[in-house]
Protein backbone atom coordinates (compact mmCIF):
# COMPACT_ATOMS: atom_id res chain seq x y z
CA ILE A 1 -27.78 17.91 -37.04
CA VAL A 2 -24.85 19.07 -39.09
CA PHE A 3 -23.53 22.64 -39.09
CA SER A 4 -21.21 24.01 -41.83
CA GLY A 5 -19.21 26.57 -40.22
CA ASN A 6 -17.56 26.83 -36.88
CA GLY A 7 -17.33 30.64 -36.21
CA PRO A 8 -19.17 32.40 -33.43
CA SER A 9 -22.72 31.52 -34.73
CA GLY A 10 -21.85 27.75 -34.89
CA ILE A 11 -20.17 27.86 -31.47
CA CYS A 12 -23.26 29.56 -29.86
CA LEU A 13 -25.69 27.09 -31.41
CA SER A 14 -23.49 24.13 -30.22
CA TYR A 15 -23.55 25.61 -26.63
CA LEU A 16 -27.49 25.79 -26.75
CA LEU A 17 -27.84 22.40 -28.25
CA SER A 18 -25.47 20.85 -25.61
CA GLY A 19 -27.98 21.15 -22.82
CA TYR A 20 -26.99 24.77 -21.69
CA THR A 21 -30.28 26.45 -20.92
CA PRO A 22 -31.09 30.15 -20.33
CA TYR A 23 -33.58 31.16 -17.61
CA PHE A 24 -34.62 34.58 -16.45
CA LYS A 25 -32.62 35.31 -13.28
CA ARG A 26 -34.95 35.85 -10.40
CA HIS A 27 -34.90 39.26 -8.68
CA SER A 28 -33.02 40.80 -11.64
CA VAL A 29 -34.51 43.98 -13.16
CA HIS A 30 -34.34 44.70 -16.89
CA PRO A 31 -34.34 48.41 -17.82
CA ASN A 32 -37.23 47.69 -20.25
CA PRO A 33 -40.38 47.46 -18.02
CA ILE A 34 -42.51 45.85 -20.77
CA LEU A 35 -39.75 43.07 -21.33
CA GLN A 36 -39.50 42.76 -17.62
CA ARG A 37 -43.15 42.10 -17.18
CA LYS A 38 -43.07 39.35 -19.86
CA LEU A 39 -40.05 37.61 -18.31
CA GLU A 40 -41.78 37.67 -14.91
CA GLU A 41 -44.76 35.72 -16.31
CA ALA A 42 -42.95 32.32 -16.52
CA PRO A 43 -39.52 32.54 -14.88
CA GLU A 44 -39.45 28.83 -14.30
CA VAL A 45 -39.64 28.19 -18.17
CA PRO A 46 -36.41 28.44 -20.07
CA VAL A 47 -36.30 31.27 -22.59
CA LEU A 48 -35.67 28.65 -25.32
CA ASP A 49 -39.11 27.16 -24.64
CA GLN A 50 -40.97 30.48 -24.44
CA ASP A 51 -42.70 32.42 -27.36
CA LEU A 52 -39.78 34.29 -28.80
CA GLU A 53 -42.00 36.31 -31.01
CA TYR A 54 -44.00 37.46 -28.07
CA LEU A 55 -40.78 38.26 -25.99
CA SER A 56 -39.26 40.26 -28.82
CA GLU A 57 -42.30 42.21 -29.91
CA GLY A 58 -41.58 46.01 -29.82
CA LEU A 59 -37.90 45.78 -29.36
CA GLU A 60 -35.70 48.16 -31.26
CA GLY A 61 -31.92 48.35 -31.89
CA ARG A 62 -29.17 48.01 -34.45
CA SER A 63 -30.32 44.71 -35.91
CA HIS A 64 -33.27 43.84 -38.22
CA SER A 65 -33.59 40.48 -36.49
CA PRO A 66 -36.17 40.60 -33.58
CA VAL A 67 -34.62 37.54 -31.78
CA ALA A 68 -31.10 39.06 -32.13
CA LEU A 69 -32.46 42.13 -30.36
CA LEU A 70 -34.00 40.09 -27.69
CA PHE A 71 -31.01 37.79 -26.90
CA ASP A 72 -28.76 40.79 -26.97
CA THR A 73 -30.78 42.91 -24.60
CA LEU A 74 -31.08 39.93 -22.16
CA GLN A 75 -27.41 39.48 -22.05
CA HIS A 76 -26.35 43.22 -22.28
CA PRO A 77 -29.17 45.34 -21.04
CA ASP A 78 -28.94 49.06 -21.95
CA THR A 79 -25.52 48.53 -23.52
CA ASP A 80 -26.20 50.82 -26.54
CA PHE A 81 -26.78 53.72 -24.02
CA GLY A 82 -23.54 53.18 -22.15
CA GLY A 83 -25.16 50.93 -19.50
CA THR A 84 -23.26 48.22 -17.73
CA ALA A 85 -26.07 46.35 -16.31
CA ASP A 86 -25.42 42.62 -15.77
CA SER A 87 -27.20 39.98 -17.86
CA VAL A 88 -30.63 38.95 -16.67
CA LEU A 89 -30.05 35.35 -17.73
CA THR A 90 -28.85 32.50 -15.63
CA TRP A 91 -27.47 29.38 -17.40
CA TRP A 92 -28.18 25.80 -16.27
CA HIS A 93 -26.61 22.75 -17.74
CA GLU A 94 -29.37 20.13 -18.33
CA PRO A 95 -27.71 17.25 -20.28
CA ASP A 96 -31.00 15.49 -20.91
CA ARG A 97 -31.92 18.39 -23.27
CA ALA A 98 -28.73 17.91 -25.44
CA ILE A 99 -29.30 17.03 -29.10
CA PRO A 100 -26.42 15.15 -31.07
CA HIS A 101 -24.75 17.55 -33.58
CA LEU A 102 -21.65 17.86 -35.48
CA VAL A 103 -19.88 21.24 -36.28
CA LEU A 104 -17.74 21.15 -39.42
CA GLY A 105 -15.14 23.88 -40.19
CA ARG A 106 -11.97 24.51 -42.24
CA ASN A 107 -10.04 26.20 -39.29
CA ALA A 108 -9.94 25.91 -35.48
CA PRO A 109 -13.13 27.00 -33.62
CA GLY A 110 -13.59 30.67 -34.38
CA GLY A 111 -13.82 30.36 -38.20
CA ALA A 112 -12.66 33.40 -40.18
CA TRP A 113 -11.25 35.10 -37.01
CA HIS A 114 -8.14 32.79 -37.45
CA SER A 115 -7.59 34.23 -40.99
CA ILE A 116 -7.53 37.96 -39.74
CA GLU A 117 -4.24 39.63 -39.13
CA GLY A 118 -3.88 39.15 -35.35
CA SER A 119 -3.02 42.80 -34.42
CA MET A 120 -6.22 44.09 -36.05
CA VAL A 121 -8.48 45.88 -33.61
CA THR A 122 -12.21 44.93 -33.78
CA LEU A 123 -14.96 47.35 -34.80
CA SER A 124 -17.14 46.28 -31.97
CA ARG A 125 -16.48 46.84 -28.29
CA GLY A 126 -14.75 43.97 -26.57
CA GLU A 127 -17.67 42.86 -24.40
CA TRP A 128 -19.79 42.58 -27.49
CA MET A 129 -17.61 39.92 -28.87
CA GLY A 130 -18.26 37.45 -26.07
CA LEU A 131 -20.38 34.34 -26.19
CA PRO A 132 -22.99 33.32 -23.48
CA ASP A 133 -22.09 32.96 -19.91
CA LEU A 134 -18.24 33.54 -20.44
CA PRO A 135 -17.76 37.42 -20.54
CA PHE A 136 -14.86 38.28 -22.95
CA LYS A 137 -13.61 40.86 -20.58
CA GLU A 138 -13.26 38.27 -17.61
CA TRP A 139 -11.34 35.96 -20.07
CA LEU A 140 -9.04 38.88 -20.95
CA LYS A 141 -8.45 39.67 -17.30
CA GLN A 142 -7.25 36.10 -16.63
CA LYS A 143 -4.59 36.76 -19.30
CA ARG A 144 -3.67 40.01 -17.41
CA ARG A 145 -4.60 42.12 -20.44
CA GLY A 146 -6.91 45.04 -20.99
CA LEU A 147 -9.00 46.34 -23.85
CA ARG A 148 -7.43 49.14 -26.00
CA ASN A 149 -10.10 51.85 -26.30
CA ASN A 150 -12.70 49.26 -25.17
CA ARG A 151 -11.92 47.20 -28.24
CA ALA A 152 -10.00 43.82 -28.77
CA THR A 153 -7.53 42.43 -31.27
CA ALA A 154 -8.42 39.63 -33.68
CA GLU A 155 -5.82 37.37 -32.10
CA ASP A 156 -7.50 37.74 -28.70
CA ILE A 157 -10.93 37.05 -30.15
CA ALA A 158 -9.75 33.91 -32.13
CA GLN A 159 -8.06 32.51 -28.87
CA TYR A 160 -11.17 33.34 -26.79
CA TYR A 161 -13.39 31.35 -29.21
CA GLN A 162 -11.04 28.25 -28.94
CA HIS A 163 -10.89 28.59 -25.15
CA TYR A 164 -14.79 28.81 -25.06
CA VAL A 165 -15.24 25.51 -26.96
CA VAL A 166 -12.85 23.73 -24.63
CA LYS A 167 -14.18 25.37 -21.34
CA LYS A 168 -17.78 24.70 -22.17
CA GLY A 169 -16.95 21.07 -23.11
CA LEU A 170 -18.05 21.41 -26.75
CA LYS A 171 -14.96 20.11 -28.33
CA LYS A 172 -16.38 16.55 -28.98
CA ASN A 173 -18.92 18.22 -31.35
CA PHE A 174 -16.31 19.99 -33.52
CA LYS A 175 -14.43 18.51 -36.50
CA CYS A 176 -11.93 20.98 -37.76
CA GLY A 177 -10.03 20.76 -41.06
CA THR A 178 -13.09 19.74 -43.05
CA VAL A 179 -14.25 21.14 -46.35
CA VAL A 180 -18.01 20.64 -47.25
CA THR A 181 -18.37 20.10 -51.10
CA SER A 182 -22.12 19.27 -51.34
CA VAL A 183 -25.32 19.59 -49.34
CA ARG A 184 -28.42 18.09 -51.08
CA LYS A 185 -31.72 16.59 -50.21
CA VAL A 186 -32.10 12.74 -50.76
CA SER A 187 -34.71 10.24 -49.99
CA ALA A 188 -34.08 8.38 -46.80
CA GLU A 189 -35.06 5.16 -48.74
CA SER A 190 -32.17 5.72 -51.27
CA ILE A 191 -29.61 6.17 -48.49
CA SER A 192 -30.81 2.90 -46.72
CA ASN A 193 -30.69 0.93 -50.02
CA HIS A 194 -27.28 2.30 -50.84
CA SER A 195 -28.61 2.82 -54.43
CA GLN A 196 -25.98 4.84 -56.25
CA LYS A 197 -28.41 5.19 -59.11
CA ASP A 198 -30.94 6.91 -56.88
CA LEU A 199 -28.28 9.33 -55.70
CA GLN A 200 -27.31 10.16 -59.19
CA GLU A 201 -30.85 10.73 -60.14
CA ASP A 202 -31.27 12.92 -57.20
CA SER A 203 -28.27 14.97 -58.01
CA ASP A 204 -29.65 16.05 -61.42
CA SER A 205 -32.36 18.13 -59.74
CA LEU A 206 -32.00 21.09 -57.44
CA TRP A 207 -33.45 20.32 -54.04
CA ASN A 208 -35.09 17.06 -55.20
CA ALA A 209 -38.28 17.70 -53.35
CA ASN A 210 -40.06 14.34 -53.08
CA GLU A 211 -43.31 14.42 -51.09
CA LYS A 212 -43.79 10.61 -51.02
CA SER A 213 -40.88 9.57 -48.86
CA ALA A 214 -38.97 10.81 -45.81
CA GLU A 215 -35.99 12.90 -46.88
CA VAL A 216 -32.67 13.81 -45.34
CA PHE A 217 -29.77 15.97 -46.22
CA GLN A 218 -26.70 14.32 -47.58
CA VAL A 219 -23.52 16.17 -46.74
CA ASP A 220 -20.35 15.42 -48.63
CA GLY A 221 -16.89 16.73 -48.28
CA PHE A 222 -13.42 15.72 -47.01
CA PHE A 223 -11.11 15.95 -43.98
CA LYS A 224 -7.62 17.27 -44.43
CA THR A 225 -5.35 14.83 -42.61
CA ASN A 226 -2.11 15.85 -40.89
CA GLU A 227 -0.15 14.23 -43.73
CA GLY A 228 -2.03 16.63 -46.19
CA ASP A 229 -4.23 13.89 -47.65
CA LYS A 230 -7.95 14.43 -48.37
CA GLU A 231 -10.21 11.85 -46.71
CA PRO A 232 -13.77 11.89 -48.13
CA PHE A 233 -16.83 11.72 -45.87
CA SER A 234 -20.52 11.51 -46.40
CA ILE A 235 -23.04 12.17 -43.62
CA CYS A 236 -26.76 12.23 -43.48
CA ALA A 237 -28.76 14.63 -41.31
CA GLU A 238 -32.32 15.61 -40.85
CA ASN A 239 -31.33 19.16 -40.26
CA VAL A 240 -28.44 21.17 -41.63
CA VAL A 241 -27.26 24.59 -40.37
CA LEU A 242 -25.49 26.92 -42.75
CA ALA A 243 -23.08 29.23 -40.70
CA THR A 244 -20.20 29.70 -43.08
CA GLY A 245 -19.97 33.60 -42.88
CA THR A 246 -18.80 35.53 -45.89
CA TYR A 247 -14.87 35.81 -45.63
CA ASP A 248 -14.11 33.24 -48.23
CA ASN A 249 -15.00 34.94 -51.49
CA PRO A 250 -13.75 38.57 -51.92
CA THR A 251 -15.63 40.71 -54.41
CA TRP A 252 -13.99 41.37 -57.75
CA LEU A 253 -14.36 44.47 -59.83
CA GLY A 254 -14.75 42.55 -63.03
CA VAL A 255 -12.23 44.73 -64.98
CA LYS A 256 -9.45 43.85 -67.43
CA GLY A 257 -6.23 42.71 -65.88
CA GLU A 258 -7.68 41.98 -62.47
CA ASN A 259 -6.13 38.44 -62.58
CA LEU A 260 -2.68 39.72 -62.84
CA SER A 261 -0.15 38.66 -60.16
CA HIS A 262 0.22 42.26 -58.64
CA VAL A 263 -3.66 42.54 -58.08
CA HIS A 264 -4.80 41.11 -54.81
CA HIS A 265 -8.20 40.74 -52.95
CA HIS A 266 -6.95 40.20 -49.34
CA HIS A 267 -5.45 42.62 -46.85
CA SER A 268 -2.79 39.98 -45.92
CA ALA A 269 -1.18 40.35 -49.40
CA LEU A 270 0.11 43.79 -48.35
CA GLU A 271 1.57 42.38 -45.00
CA GLU A 272 3.32 39.65 -47.06
CA ALA A 273 4.66 42.20 -49.49
CA VAL A 274 6.16 44.31 -46.57
CA LYS A 275 7.71 41.12 -44.91
CA ASN A 276 9.24 40.16 -48.34
CA ASN A 277 10.51 43.82 -48.80
CA SER A 278 8.80 43.87 -52.16
CA VAL A 279 7.15 47.19 -51.24
CA GLY A 280 8.53 49.94 -49.12
CA ILE A 281 9.16 53.75 -48.81
CA MET A 282 10.81 54.03 -52.19
CA SER A 283 8.51 51.81 -54.17
CA ASP A 284 5.70 52.83 -56.46
CA PRO A 285 2.39 53.48 -54.69
CA VAL A 286 0.15 50.70 -53.50
CA LEU A 287 -3.37 51.19 -55.01
CA ILE A 288 -6.12 50.47 -52.49
CA VAL A 289 -9.67 50.23 -54.00
CA GLY A 290 -12.76 50.47 -51.63
CA ALA A 291 -14.12 52.63 -48.89
CA GLY A 292 -14.99 50.23 -46.08
CA LEU A 293 -13.30 49.24 -43.01
CA THR A 294 -10.92 46.60 -44.57
CA ALA A 295 -9.71 49.29 -47.03
CA ALA A 296 -9.18 51.61 -44.03
CA ASP A 297 -7.19 48.90 -42.19
CA ALA A 298 -4.95 48.60 -45.22
CA ILE A 299 -4.39 52.42 -45.42
CA LEU A 300 -3.54 52.49 -41.74
CA PHE A 301 -1.08 49.57 -42.14
CA ALA A 302 0.56 51.21 -45.19
CA HIS A 303 0.65 54.65 -43.49
CA HIS A 304 2.39 52.96 -40.46
CA CYS A 305 5.05 51.39 -42.72
CA ASN A 306 5.55 54.73 -44.74
CA ILE A 307 4.37 53.03 -47.94
CA PRO A 308 2.80 55.46 -50.51
CA VAL A 309 -0.91 54.90 -51.22
CA ILE A 310 -3.33 55.89 -54.03
CA HIS A 311 -6.88 55.38 -52.74
CA VAL A 312 -9.69 54.99 -55.20
CA PHE A 313 -13.34 54.65 -54.19
CA ARG A 314 -16.73 55.35 -55.89
CA ARG A 315 -18.63 57.25 -53.19
CA ARG A 316 -18.37 60.98 -52.08
CA VAL A 317 -16.65 61.35 -48.97
CA THR A 318 -19.77 62.93 -47.40
CA ASP A 319 -22.05 60.16 -48.50
CA PRO A 320 -24.10 59.16 -45.38
CA GLY A 321 -23.87 55.49 -46.44
CA LEU A 322 -20.02 55.65 -46.08
CA ILE A 323 -19.29 53.63 -42.80
CA PHE A 324 -16.95 56.53 -41.60
CA ASN A 325 -19.97 58.88 -41.32
CA GLN A 326 -21.68 56.44 -39.02
CA LEU A 327 -18.86 55.81 -36.38
CA PRO A 328 -18.37 57.98 -33.25
CA LYS A 329 -15.14 59.79 -33.53
CA MET A 330 -14.14 59.23 -29.87
CA MET A 331 -14.49 55.57 -30.00
CA TYR A 332 -12.83 55.14 -33.42
CA PRO A 333 -10.07 57.66 -33.63
CA GLU A 334 -7.97 55.67 -36.32
CA TYR A 335 -10.85 55.35 -38.66
CA HIS A 336 -11.73 58.98 -38.27
CA LYS A 337 -8.10 59.71 -39.28
CA VAL A 338 -8.55 57.78 -42.47
CA HIS A 339 -11.74 59.55 -43.27
CA GLN A 340 -9.91 62.95 -42.68
CA MET A 341 -7.29 61.71 -45.15
CA MET A 342 -9.87 60.82 -47.67
CA LYS A 343 -11.37 64.34 -47.44
CA GLU A 344 -8.35 66.56 -47.04
CA GLN A 345 -5.70 64.81 -49.34
CA THR A 346 -7.19 64.47 -52.73
CA ALA A 347 -5.35 64.64 -55.99
CA ALA A 348 -6.96 68.13 -56.59
CA CYS A 349 -5.85 69.47 -53.28
CA ALA A 350 -2.61 68.62 -51.30
CA GLY A 351 -3.16 68.23 -47.54
CA PRO A 352 -0.99 67.43 -44.53
CA TYR A 353 -0.67 63.72 -45.04
CA GLU A 354 2.50 62.50 -46.79
CA ARG A 355 2.49 59.47 -49.21
CA TYR A 356 -1.42 59.43 -49.53
CA ILE A 357 -3.72 60.61 -52.28
CA SER A 358 -7.45 59.99 -52.37
CA PHE A 359 -9.69 59.78 -55.54
CA PRO A 360 -13.32 59.97 -54.41
CA GLU A 361 -15.96 59.14 -57.07
CA HIS A 362 -13.49 57.24 -59.21
CA HIS A 363 -13.61 53.63 -60.53
CA VAL A 364 -10.87 51.44 -61.95
CA LEU A 365 -11.11 50.77 -65.69
CA SER A 366 -8.16 48.37 -66.08
CA PHE A 367 -4.97 46.94 -64.69
CA GLY A 368 -1.94 46.61 -67.04
CA LYS A 369 0.94 44.08 -67.25
CA ASP A 370 3.34 47.03 -66.92
CA LYS A 371 1.66 47.74 -63.50
CA LYS A 372 -0.10 50.78 -64.91
CA CYS A 373 -3.65 51.25 -63.68
CA ILE A 374 -6.24 53.42 -65.34
CA PHE A 375 -9.21 54.69 -63.49
CA GLN A 376 -11.97 57.22 -64.31
CA ASP A 377 -13.89 59.96 -62.48
CA LYS A 378 -17.66 60.64 -62.64
CA ASN A 379 -17.23 62.94 -65.71
CA GLY A 380 -15.40 60.28 -67.78
CA CYS A 381 -12.02 61.88 -67.34
CA GLN A 382 -9.28 59.07 -67.21
CA LYS A 383 -5.94 58.99 -65.25
CA ALA A 384 -3.14 56.45 -65.42
CA TYR A 385 -0.72 55.71 -62.54
CA LYS A 386 2.21 53.30 -62.03
CA ILE A 387 1.73 51.13 -59.00
CA SER A 388 3.67 48.54 -57.17
CA MET A 389 0.52 46.46 -56.30
CA ALA A 390 -3.24 46.67 -55.96
CA LEU A 391 -5.50 45.67 -53.23
CA VAL A 392 -9.18 45.44 -54.16
CA LEU A 393 -10.94 45.57 -50.86
CA THR A 394 -14.77 46.07 -51.79
CA GLY A 395 -16.22 43.51 -49.61
CA SER A 396 -16.81 39.69 -49.84
CA ASN A 397 -19.50 37.17 -50.63
CA PRO A 398 -20.20 33.83 -49.11
CA ASN A 399 -19.02 30.80 -50.91
CA LEU A 400 -22.05 28.48 -51.26
CA SER A 401 -20.82 26.39 -54.19
CA PHE A 402 -21.63 23.32 -52.08
CA LEU A 403 -25.35 24.18 -52.37
CA PRO A 404 -27.54 23.43 -55.63
CA ASN A 405 -27.35 26.54 -57.76
CA ASP A 406 -25.00 28.25 -55.34
CA GLY A 407 -27.83 28.69 -52.87
CA ILE A 408 -29.42 31.35 -55.07
CA ASP A 409 -32.88 29.72 -54.78
CA LEU A 410 -32.78 30.28 -50.97
CA ALA A 411 -32.12 34.07 -51.20
CA VAL A 412 -34.65 36.87 -50.57
CA ASP A 413 -34.29 37.62 -54.33
CA SER A 414 -33.96 34.25 -55.87
CA GLY A 415 -32.77 35.77 -59.13
CA GLN A 416 -29.51 37.15 -57.49
CA PRO A 417 -26.60 35.69 -55.67
CA VAL A 418 -26.64 35.53 -51.87
CA ASN A 419 -25.13 38.74 -50.37
CA PRO A 420 -25.14 39.49 -46.66
CA LYS A 421 -26.04 43.07 -46.93
CA ARG A 422 -28.23 43.30 -50.08
CA ASN A 423 -29.67 39.78 -50.57
CA PRO A 424 -29.39 37.48 -47.56
CA ILE A 425 -30.95 33.95 -47.29
CA ASP A 426 -34.64 34.19 -46.61
CA VAL A 427 -35.38 32.83 -43.14
CA ASP A 428 -38.33 32.71 -40.70
CA PRO A 429 -37.16 35.47 -38.25
CA PHE A 430 -38.29 33.37 -35.26
CA THR A 431 -36.69 29.98 -36.19
CA HIS A 432 -33.99 30.89 -38.71
CA GLU A 433 -35.23 28.07 -40.91
CA CYS A 434 -34.94 28.70 -44.61
CA THR A 435 -38.35 29.58 -46.12
CA GLN A 436 -37.52 27.71 -49.24
CA GLU A 437 -36.08 24.59 -47.68
CA LYS A 438 -37.47 23.07 -44.45
CA GLY A 439 -34.69 21.50 -42.29
CA LEU A 440 -32.17 23.87 -43.60
CA TYR A 441 -31.19 26.82 -41.32
CA ALA A 442 -28.98 29.86 -41.89
CA LEU A 443 -27.16 31.84 -39.20
CA GLY A 444 -24.97 35.03 -39.10
CA PRO A 445 -24.04 37.07 -42.16
CA LEU A 446 -25.82 34.54 -44.49
CA ALA A 447 -29.07 35.64 -42.78
CA GLY A 448 -28.11 39.36 -42.68
CA ASP A 449 -26.51 39.58 -39.23
CA ASN A 450 -22.99 40.75 -39.46
CA PHE A 451 -21.97 41.48 -35.77
CA VAL A 452 -21.08 38.71 -33.23
CA ARG A 453 -23.37 40.35 -30.64
CA PHE A 454 -26.32 39.79 -32.96
CA VAL A 455 -25.58 36.37 -34.65
CA GLN A 456 -26.34 34.79 -31.25
CA GLY A 457 -29.98 35.57 -31.51
CA GLY A 458 -30.10 33.49 -34.77
CA ALA A 459 -28.55 30.64 -32.70
CA LEU A 460 -31.19 31.08 -30.11
CA ALA A 461 -33.99 31.02 -32.68
CA ALA A 462 -32.61 27.87 -34.40
CA ALA A 463 -31.94 26.14 -31.11
CA SER A 464 -35.53 26.76 -30.00
CA SER A 465 -36.92 25.35 -33.24
CA LEU A 466 -34.59 22.38 -33.31
CA LEU A 467 -35.43 21.53 -29.57
CA LYS A 468 -39.18 21.62 -30.51
CA LYS A 469 -38.55 19.30 -33.48
CA ALA A 470 -36.68 16.93 -31.28
CA ASN A 471 -39.57 16.99 -28.63
CA LYS A 472 -36.94 18.28 -26.17
CA ASN A 473 -39.18 21.17 -25.13
CA PRO A 474 -42.82 21.69 -24.85
CA PRO A 475 -44.68 23.81 -27.29
């Protein structure tokens, strides 16, 4: 089995495929009496070997994935209602159940968490960032640190995931510094014959479905050596797990001048500009486009550095779909502050916040070489502003260029690109196997789960399916 991606999804699945097996903890009581009764029916059978559809039936919560809700409520019973009940799972290491696998990733274990500015505070509560059988809070205590407002920094999270891989003995399964360039189906016969012609013929079609002979996935790519060289590799596997997340590919607006050097699509560009003194108190405003949490983080950073900001976004500030209208004020005071700024400090009405102007229900028309930006309101009225730099922070899409047709054929709507919120990869909810391609699995944001606490359910579903395939657990 080969995984593409070594973030929380990949780490959790590696743990489950390394012989670590969850059982219902005897004498523990789950607050959901129906689930409790089901768990008591076969406490000697690992959860991985049980009927996940039966166990998860009727569960409700903040994820659309039934197995995500199941695994989450087993690990954090009653957590959404402020409960602090212990996990009802106990973990046993049963090495004979382990399945050989390889986890490929560009960064150290933890994936995109290593690319996020270290002092950023997570949206989720700290205990929700942990992986099975090693509570994040306990790890933080060992470092003699606490959680700020129950939340953790990105640097802590990245270090915790690296520590988890070492502590649980998973390091041998991880190959970091790798880039996957191609995943495609080939006939096992063509691999064994080393027939280059067969491979080339295969590569002309999309998934090369060939009913007559057994097929495997060929995974091609390269390792980045310490000397900076690229060393190619090619691996064959019966099953491939896609767990690449969505951080790679920021969304572009598709407007004129967006490729100019002062227009950026990553929050880190603002930090670099501050370090280099290319923006400061006296510079022209920084334009921030977007109304999500990444845009809010950039606004908070600029506000902290006294850098003037023009903030442009398409939605109304009262739109219920706006993330700020869904967050409890007490738990997220800094995001509540940004939302207040967006409401109270528009161009039409000056408010108490210096160096910030918001333009709700506006969109960018063009960026100019002279650093003038033109945007337009809902009535068609245009405005031009001189800016020092622009940050377009309107979300990101997965980079699936290594799949035939960029993975579009695997999506729920196979006429549109894969998008974690609007058009995820279509998977069986109880196995996470792609409905369009057997042997291919999708986890995390690619399958529509965007929070660490819920991506683990996808890993549980995939592990259960892969163990059954390997005859390592009874039906």
